[in-house]
C-alpha atoms as a PDB file:
ATOM      1  CA  MET A   1      47.404  63.602 128.322  1.00  0.00           C
ATOM      2  CA  LYS A   2      43.677  62.840 128.420  1.00  0.00           C
ATOM      3  CA  ASP A   3      41.611  63.794 131.457  1.00  0.00           C
ATOM      4  CA  LEU A   4      38.893  61.227 132.216  1.00  0.00           C
ATOM      5  CA  SER A   5      37.683  62.773 135.468  1.00  0.00           C
ATOM      6  CA  ASN A   6      34.429  63.952 133.877  1.00  0.00           C
ATOM      7  CA  TYR A   7      33.371  60.485 132.725  1.00  0.00           C
ATOM      8  CA  ARG A   8      30.075  59.847 134.496  1.00  0.00           C
ATOM      9  CA  LYS A   9      27.389  57.174 134.302  1.00  0.00           C
ATOM     10  CA  SER A  10      24.367  56.628 136.494  1.00  0.00           C
ATOM     11  CA  TYR A  11      23.630  52.952 137.160  1.00  0.00           C
ATOM     12  CA  GLU A  12      19.892  52.414 137.532  1.00  0.00           C
ATOM     13  CA  LYS A  13      18.885  49.234 135.674  1.00  0.00           C
ATOM     14  CA  SER A  14      18.440  46.756 138.512  1.00  0.00           C
ATOM     15  CA  GLU A  15      19.010  45.967 142.169  1.00  0.00           C
ATOM     16  CA  LEU A  16      20.360  43.127 144.275  1.00  0.00           C
ATOM     17  CA  THR A  17      18.672  42.662 147.629  1.00  0.00           C
ATOM     18  CA  GLU A  18      18.849  40.000 150.302  1.00  0.00           C
ATOM     19  CA  GLN A  19      15.201  39.138 149.669  1.00  0.00           C
ATOM     20  CA  ASN A  20      15.924  37.650 146.237  1.00  0.00           C
ATOM     21  CA  LEU A  21      19.183  35.800 146.933  1.00  0.00           C
ATOM     22  CA  PRO A  22      19.520  32.017 146.455  1.00  0.00           C
ATOM     23  CA  GLU A  23      21.483  30.007 149.011  1.00  0.00           C
ATOM     24  CA  ASP A  24      24.083  28.979 146.423  1.00  0.00           C
ATOM     25  CA  PRO A  25      26.020  31.573 144.392  1.00  0.00           C
ATOM     26  CA  ILE A  26      26.191  29.363 141.285  1.00  0.00           C
ATOM     27  CA  THR A  27      22.412  29.632 140.994  1.00  0.00           C
ATOM     28  CA  LEU A  28      22.646  33.418 140.981  1.00  0.00           C
ATOM     29  CA  PHE A  29      25.558  33.300 138.531  1.00  0.00           C
ATOM     30  CA  ARG A  30      23.518  31.096 136.213  1.00  0.00           C
ATOM     31  CA  ASP A  31      20.569  33.509 136.325  1.00  0.00           C
ATOM     32  CA  TRP A  32      22.787  36.519 135.608  1.00  0.00           C
ATOM     33  CA  PHE A  33      24.611  34.661 132.829  1.00  0.00           C
ATOM     34  CA  VAL A  34      21.344  33.739 131.104  1.00  0.00           C
ATOM     35  CA  GLU A  35      20.102  37.324 131.335  1.00  0.00           C
ATOM     36  CA  ALA A  36      23.351  38.589 129.803  1.00  0.00           C
ATOM     37  CA  GLU A  37      23.174  35.882 127.136  1.00  0.00           C
ATOM     38  CA  GLU A  38      19.609  36.773 126.171  1.00  0.00           C
ATOM     39  CA  PHE A  39      20.323  40.497 125.793  1.00  0.00           C
ATOM     40  CA  ASP A  40      19.873  41.606 122.203  1.00  0.00           C
ATOM     41  CA  GLY A  41      23.305  42.115 120.657  1.00  0.00           C
ATOM     42  CA  ALA A  42      25.186  40.232 123.374  1.00  0.00           C
ATOM     43  CA  VAL A  43      28.647  39.083 122.260  1.00  0.00           C
ATOM     44  CA  GLU A  44      30.813  36.532 124.085  1.00  0.00           C
ATOM     45  CA  VAL A  45      29.178  36.885 127.481  1.00  0.00           C
ATOM     46  CA  ASN A  46      31.458  34.001 128.515  1.00  0.00           C
ATOM     47  CA  ALA A  47      34.541  36.218 128.200  1.00  0.00           C
ATOM     48  CA  MET A  48      36.178  36.485 131.607  1.00  0.00           C
ATOM     49  CA  THR A  49      39.349  37.973 133.020  1.00  0.00           C
ATOM     50  CA  ILE A  50      41.613  35.575 134.879  1.00  0.00           C
ATOM     51  CA  SER A  51      44.311  36.943 137.170  1.00  0.00           C
ATOM     52  CA  THR A  52      47.273  34.868 138.286  1.00  0.00           C
ATOM     53  CA  ILE A  53      50.471  35.523 140.232  1.00  0.00           C
ATOM     54  CA  GLY A  54      53.354  35.047 137.827  1.00  0.00           C
ATOM     55  CA  LEU A  55      56.681  33.397 138.521  1.00  0.00           C
ATOM     56  CA  ASP A  56      58.147  36.919 138.698  1.00  0.00           C
ATOM     57  CA  GLY A  57      55.836  37.740 141.616  1.00  0.00           C
ATOM     58  CA  TYR A  58      53.662  40.144 139.630  1.00  0.00           C
ATOM     59  CA  PRO A  59      49.934  39.656 139.069  1.00  0.00           C
ATOM     60  CA  LYS A  60      48.806  39.383 135.466  1.00  0.00           C
ATOM     61  CA  SER A  61      45.285  39.525 134.047  1.00  0.00           C
ATOM     62  CA  ARG A  62      44.078  38.393 130.636  1.00  0.00           C
ATOM     63  CA  VAL A  63      40.766  37.501 129.008  1.00  0.00           C
ATOM     64  CA  VAL A  64      39.886  33.862 128.376  1.00  0.00           C
ATOM     65  CA  LEU A  65      36.604  32.135 127.538  1.00  0.00           C
ATOM     66  CA  LEU A  66      34.522  30.252 130.074  1.00  0.00           C
ATOM     67  CA  LYS A  67      33.505  26.946 128.509  1.00  0.00           C
ATOM     68  CA  GLN A  68      31.442  25.358 131.260  1.00  0.00           C
ATOM     69  CA  PHE A  69      30.263  26.027 134.786  1.00  0.00           C
ATOM     70  CA  THR A  70      28.799  23.637 137.318  1.00  0.00           C
ATOM     71  CA  PHE A  71      28.072  23.745 141.015  1.00  0.00           C
ATOM     72  CA  GLU A  72      31.680  22.606 141.462  1.00  0.00           C
ATOM     73  CA  GLY A  73      33.330  25.441 139.548  1.00  0.00           C
ATOM     74  CA  PHE A  74      34.250  27.255 136.335  1.00  0.00           C
ATOM     75  CA  ILE A  75      36.079  25.545 133.453  1.00  0.00           C
ATOM     76  CA  PHE A  76      38.350  27.004 130.781  1.00  0.00           C
ATOM     77  CA  TYR A  77      41.028  25.574 128.490  1.00  0.00           C
ATOM     78  CA  THR A  78      44.584  26.613 127.721  1.00  0.00           C
ATOM     79  CA  ASN A  79      48.136  25.459 127.055  1.00  0.00           C
ATOM     80  CA  TYR A  80      49.522  24.065 130.319  1.00  0.00           C
ATOM     81  CA  ASP A  81      53.008  25.289 129.344  1.00  0.00           C
ATOM     82  CA  SER A  82      51.813  28.869 128.800  1.00  0.00           C
ATOM     83  CA  GLU A  83      52.626  31.714 131.165  1.00  0.00           C
ATOM     84  CA  LYS A  84      49.258  31.324 132.893  1.00  0.00           C
ATOM     85  CA  GLY A  85      49.681  27.548 133.083  1.00  0.00           C
ATOM     86  CA  LYS A  86      53.074  27.862 134.751  1.00  0.00           C
ATOM     87  CA  ALA A  87      51.702  30.514 137.115  1.00  0.00           C
ATOM     88  CA  ILE A  88      48.803  28.258 138.118  1.00  0.00           C
ATOM     89  CA  ASP A  89      51.159  25.318 138.626  1.00  0.00           C
ATOM     90  CA  ASN A  90      53.230  27.479 140.973  1.00  0.00           C
ATOM     91  CA  ASN A  91      50.285  29.158 142.723  1.00  0.00           C
ATOM     92  CA  PRO A  92      46.769  27.815 142.021  1.00  0.00           C
ATOM     93  CA  ASN A  93      45.042  30.749 143.744  1.00  0.00           C
ATOM     94  CA  VAL A  94      43.382  32.771 140.969  1.00  0.00           C
ATOM     95  CA  CYS A  95      40.691  35.376 140.444  1.00  0.00           C
ATOM     96  CA  LEU A  96      38.060  35.403 137.689  1.00  0.00           C
ATOM     97  CA  SER A  97      35.911  38.385 136.808  1.00  0.00           C
ATOM     98  CA  PHE A  98      33.013  39.036 134.460  1.00  0.00           C
ATOM     99  CA  PHE A  99      31.692  42.450 133.471  1.00  0.00           C
ATOM    100  CA  TRP A 100      28.349  42.621 131.704  1.00  0.00           C
ATOM    101  CA  HIS A 101      28.117  46.259 130.732  1.00  0.00           C
ATOM    102  CA  GLU A 102      24.526  46.318 129.502  1.00  0.00           C
ATOM    103  CA  GLN A 103      23.243  44.781 132.737  1.00  0.00           C
ATOM    104  CA  GLU A 104      25.547  47.000 134.848  1.00  0.00           C
ATOM    105  CA  ARG A 105      26.821  43.880 136.574  1.00  0.00           C
ATOM    106  CA  GLN A 106      30.146  42.446 137.630  1.00  0.00           C
ATOM    107  CA  VAL A 107      31.032  39.093 139.190  1.00  0.00           C
ATOM    108  CA  ILE A 108      34.367  38.474 140.938  1.00  0.00           C
ATOM    109  CA  ILE A 109      35.369  34.907 141.782  1.00  0.00           C
ATOM    110  CA  LYS A 110      38.247  33.908 144.045  1.00  0.00           C
ATOM    111  CA  GLY A 111      39.240  30.269 143.910  1.00  0.00           C
ATOM    112  CA  ARG A 112      41.793  27.558 143.312  1.00  0.00           C
ATOM    113  CA  ALA A 113      42.501  26.195 139.846  1.00  0.00           C
ATOM    114  CA  GLU A 114      43.221  22.551 139.144  1.00  0.00           C
ATOM    115  CA  LYS A 115      43.430  20.451 135.992  1.00  0.00           C
ATOM    116  CA  ILE A 116      40.318  18.584 134.958  1.00  0.00           C
ATOM    117  CA  ALA A 117      40.290  14.889 134.055  1.00  0.00           C
ATOM    118  CA  GLU A 118      42.116  14.047 130.816  1.00  0.00           C
ATOM    119  CA  ASN A 119      39.046  12.449 129.235  1.00  0.00           C
ATOM    120  CA  LEU A 120      37.117  15.711 129.714  1.00  0.00           C
ATOM    121  CA  SER A 121      39.902  17.667 128.021  1.00  0.00           C
ATOM    122  CA  ASP A 122      39.926  15.063 125.229  1.00  0.00           C
ATOM    123  CA  GLY A 123      36.195  15.473 124.706  1.00  0.00           C
ATOM    124  CA  TYR A 124      36.344  19.237 124.449  1.00  0.00           C
ATOM    125  CA  PHE A 125      39.413  19.160 122.193  1.00  0.00           C
ATOM    126  CA  GLU A 126      37.633  16.832 119.780  1.00  0.00           C
ATOM    127  CA  SER A 127      34.686  19.249 119.608  1.00  0.00           C
ATOM    128  CA  ARG A 128      36.874  22.127 118.398  1.00  0.00           C
ATOM    129  CA  PRO A 129      37.184  23.036 114.702  1.00  0.00           C
ATOM    130  CA  GLU A 130      40.130  21.438 112.925  1.00  0.00           C
ATOM    131  CA  GLY A 131      41.946  24.768 112.615  1.00  0.00           C
ATOM    132  CA  SER A 132      41.703  25.392 116.359  1.00  0.00           C
ATOM    133  CA  ARG A 133      43.005  21.903 117.127  1.00  0.00           C
ATOM    134  CA  LEU A 134      45.983  22.369 114.839  1.00  0.00           C
ATOM    135  CA  GLY A 135      46.574  25.849 116.255  1.00  0.00           C
ATOM    136  CA  ALA A 136      46.852  24.384 119.755  1.00  0.00           C
ATOM    137  CA  ILE A 137      49.581  22.047 118.502  1.00  0.00           C
ATOM    138  CA  VAL A 138      51.419  24.697 116.488  1.00  0.00           C
ATOM    139  CA  SER A 139      51.607  27.476 119.051  1.00  0.00           C
ATOM    140  CA  PRO A 140      54.261  27.363 121.812  1.00  0.00           C
ATOM    141  CA  GLN A 141      52.035  29.708 123.811  1.00  0.00           C
ATOM    142  CA  SER A 142      53.786  32.598 125.602  1.00  0.00           C
ATOM    143  CA  GLU A 143      57.185  31.704 124.125  1.00  0.00           C
ATOM    144  CA  ILE A 144      59.159  34.180 121.986  1.00  0.00           C
ATOM    145  CA  ILE A 145      58.875  33.388 118.264  1.00  0.00           C
ATOM    146  CA  PRO A 146      60.717  34.970 115.317  1.00  0.00           C
ATOM    147  CA  SER A 147      57.659  36.043 113.311  1.00  0.00           C
ATOM    148  CA  ARG A 148      54.052  35.332 112.411  1.00  0.00           C
ATOM    149  CA  THR A 149      55.336  33.641 109.261  1.00  0.00           C
ATOM    150  CA  TYR A 150      57.003  31.084 111.531  1.00  0.00           C
ATOM    151  CA  LEU A 151      53.580  30.033 112.891  1.00  0.00           C
ATOM    152  CA  GLU A 152      51.889  30.079 109.499  1.00  0.00           C
ATOM    153  CA  GLU A 153      54.574  27.887 107.968  1.00  0.00           C
ATOM    154  CA  LYS A 154      54.312  25.405 110.857  1.00  0.00           C
ATOM    155  CA  LEU A 155      50.534  25.321 110.406  1.00  0.00           C
ATOM    156  CA  THR A 156      50.868  24.619 106.678  1.00  0.00           C
ATOM    157  CA  ILE A 157      53.178  21.690 107.413  1.00  0.00           C
ATOM    158  CA  LEU A 158      50.792  20.294 110.037  1.00  0.00           C
ATOM    159  CA  GLU A 159      47.776  20.660 107.766  1.00  0.00           C
ATOM    160  CA  GLU A 160      49.504  18.408 105.275  1.00  0.00           C
ATOM    161  CA  GLU A 161      50.758  16.017 107.955  1.00  0.00           C
ATOM    162  CA  TYR A 162      47.306  15.553 109.493  1.00  0.00           C
ATOM    163  CA  LYS A 163      45.407  15.413 106.218  1.00  0.00           C
ATOM    164  CA  ASP A 164      42.818  12.625 106.620  1.00  0.00           C
ATOM    165  CA  LYS A 165      44.260  11.786 110.069  1.00  0.00           C
ATOM    166  CA  GLU A 166      42.853  12.139 113.559  1.00  0.00           C
ATOM    167  CA  ILE A 167      44.140  15.180 115.446  1.00  0.00           C
ATOM    168  CA  SER A 168      44.771  14.101 119.043  1.00  0.00           C
ATOM    169  CA  ARG A 169      44.958  16.490 121.978  1.00  0.00           C
ATOM    170  CA  PRO A 170      48.539  17.367 122.909  1.00  0.00           C
ATOM    171  CA  GLU A 171      49.407  16.430 126.486  1.00  0.00           C
ATOM    172  CA  ASN A 172      50.295  20.044 127.346  1.00  0.00           C
ATOM    173  CA  TRP A 173      46.848  21.364 126.454  1.00  0.00           C
ATOM    174  CA  GLY A 174      43.674  20.966 128.473  1.00  0.00           C
ATOM    175  CA  GLY A 175      41.202  22.318 130.948  1.00  0.00           C
ATOM    176  CA  TYR A 176      41.275  23.867 134.388  1.00  0.00           C
ATOM    177  CA  ILE A 177      38.421  24.115 136.820  1.00  0.00           C
ATOM    178  CA  VAL A 178      38.403  27.031 139.237  1.00  0.00           C
ATOM    179  CA  LYS A 179      36.706  25.931 142.449  1.00  0.00           C
ATOM    180  CA  PRO A 180      35.393  29.066 144.165  1.00  0.00           C
ATOM    181  CA  ILE A 181      35.967  30.028 147.775  1.00  0.00           C
ATOM    182  CA  ALA A 182      34.285  33.437 147.411  1.00  0.00           C
ATOM    183  CA  ILE A 183      32.005  34.977 144.785  1.00  0.00           C
ATOM    184  CA  GLU A 184      31.045  38.644 144.812  1.00  0.00           C
ATOM    185  CA  PHE A 185      28.112  39.995 142.811  1.00  0.00           C
ATOM    186  CA  TRP A 186      28.154  43.694 141.955  1.00  0.00           C
ATOM    187  CA  GLN A 187      25.043  45.453 140.707  1.00  0.00           C
ATOM    188  CA  GLY A 188      25.358  49.078 139.670  1.00  0.00           C
ATOM    189  CA  ARG A 189      23.031  51.459 141.507  1.00  0.00           C
ATOM    190  CA  ALA A 190      22.350  55.195 141.509  1.00  0.00           C
ATOM    191  CA  ASN A 191      24.615  57.660 143.358  1.00  0.00           C
ATOM    192  CA  ARG A 192      27.440  55.108 143.424  1.00  0.00           C
ATOM    193  CA  LEU A 193      25.639  53.204 146.203  1.00  0.00           C
ATOM    194  CA  HIS A 194      26.129  49.949 144.345  1.00  0.00           C
ATOM    195  CA  ASP A 195      24.915  46.594 145.632  1.00  0.00           C
ATOM    196  CA  ARG A 196      27.768  44.246 146.566  1.00  0.00           C
ATOM    197  CA  ILE A 197      26.835  40.794 147.827  1.00  0.00           C
ATOM    198  CA  ARG A 198      29.591  38.330 148.706  1.00  0.00           C
ATOM    199  CA  TYR A 199      29.213  34.587 149.133  1.00  0.00           C
ATOM    200  CA  LYS A 200      32.046  33.074 151.165  1.00  0.00           C
ATOM    201  CA  LEU A 201      32.548  29.319 151.489  1.00  0.00           C
ATOM    202  CA  GLU A 202      32.672  28.156 155.105  1.00  0.00           C
ATOM    203  CA  GLU A 203      34.427  25.100 156.533  1.00  0.00           C
ATOM    204  CA  ASP A 204      31.107  23.223 156.652  1.00  0.00           C
ATOM    205  CA  LEU A 205      30.762  23.895 152.879  1.00  0.00           C
ATOM    206  CA  ASN A 206      27.831  26.230 153.371  1.00  0.00           C
ATOM    207  CA  TRP A 207      27.940  29.741 151.933  1.00  0.00           C
ATOM    208  CA  GLN A 208      28.010  32.769 154.207  1.00  0.00           C
ATOM    209  CA  ILE A 209      26.301  35.761 152.588  1.00  0.00           C
ATOM    210  CA  ASP A 210      27.392  39.316 153.390  1.00  0.00           C
ATOM    211  CA  ARG A 211      26.639  42.749 152.003  1.00  0.00           C
ATOM    212  CA  LEU A 212      29.720  44.878 151.377  1.00  0.00           C
ATOM    213  CA  ALA A 213      29.863  48.667 151.267  1.00  0.00           C
ATOM    214  CA  PRO A 214      30.251  50.000 147.719  1.00  0.00           C
END
């Protein structure tokens, strides 16, 4: 047993006040993302946790990579037949979260996921390295497989099959966009009195801004 009750950290690097808030949360997300991206030594600031409700009724969280964000939402790519793909198909309500440790910041996004247009998935798939494209075809994501050798042997066969040929996107692989209904920005502060600002989408498509107790 390991006791972690003495782990302590004082958060004092920044603040989040109503005086410096934009009307749209995507603008604030963009600013925070750029600041995280520009930090010396930053690695995969686009890594985000996505939580879904599985077919078994249990929530499940895993890390995926954000590939694009717009004022409409947040885009990532996966196998549509994977566990997360099946969960989204059954219940599109998901939660995304980012944690940028060096900036003492967290962003939590509640929204609905939907597939993006096929031509957009095609475009991104074509931009991937050849190995990643073949890997998407080889892997029956989330399914039980006999061994790693099984995958490696399938990849070797495909490498020969697609030698000097175009590698097209499989129909069961593509992008989702998560359209937010609420975005919460968390800024660490001293004495655990953290700043929590929530943007909530209203029926008129304007964003209501509230401060939440830490």
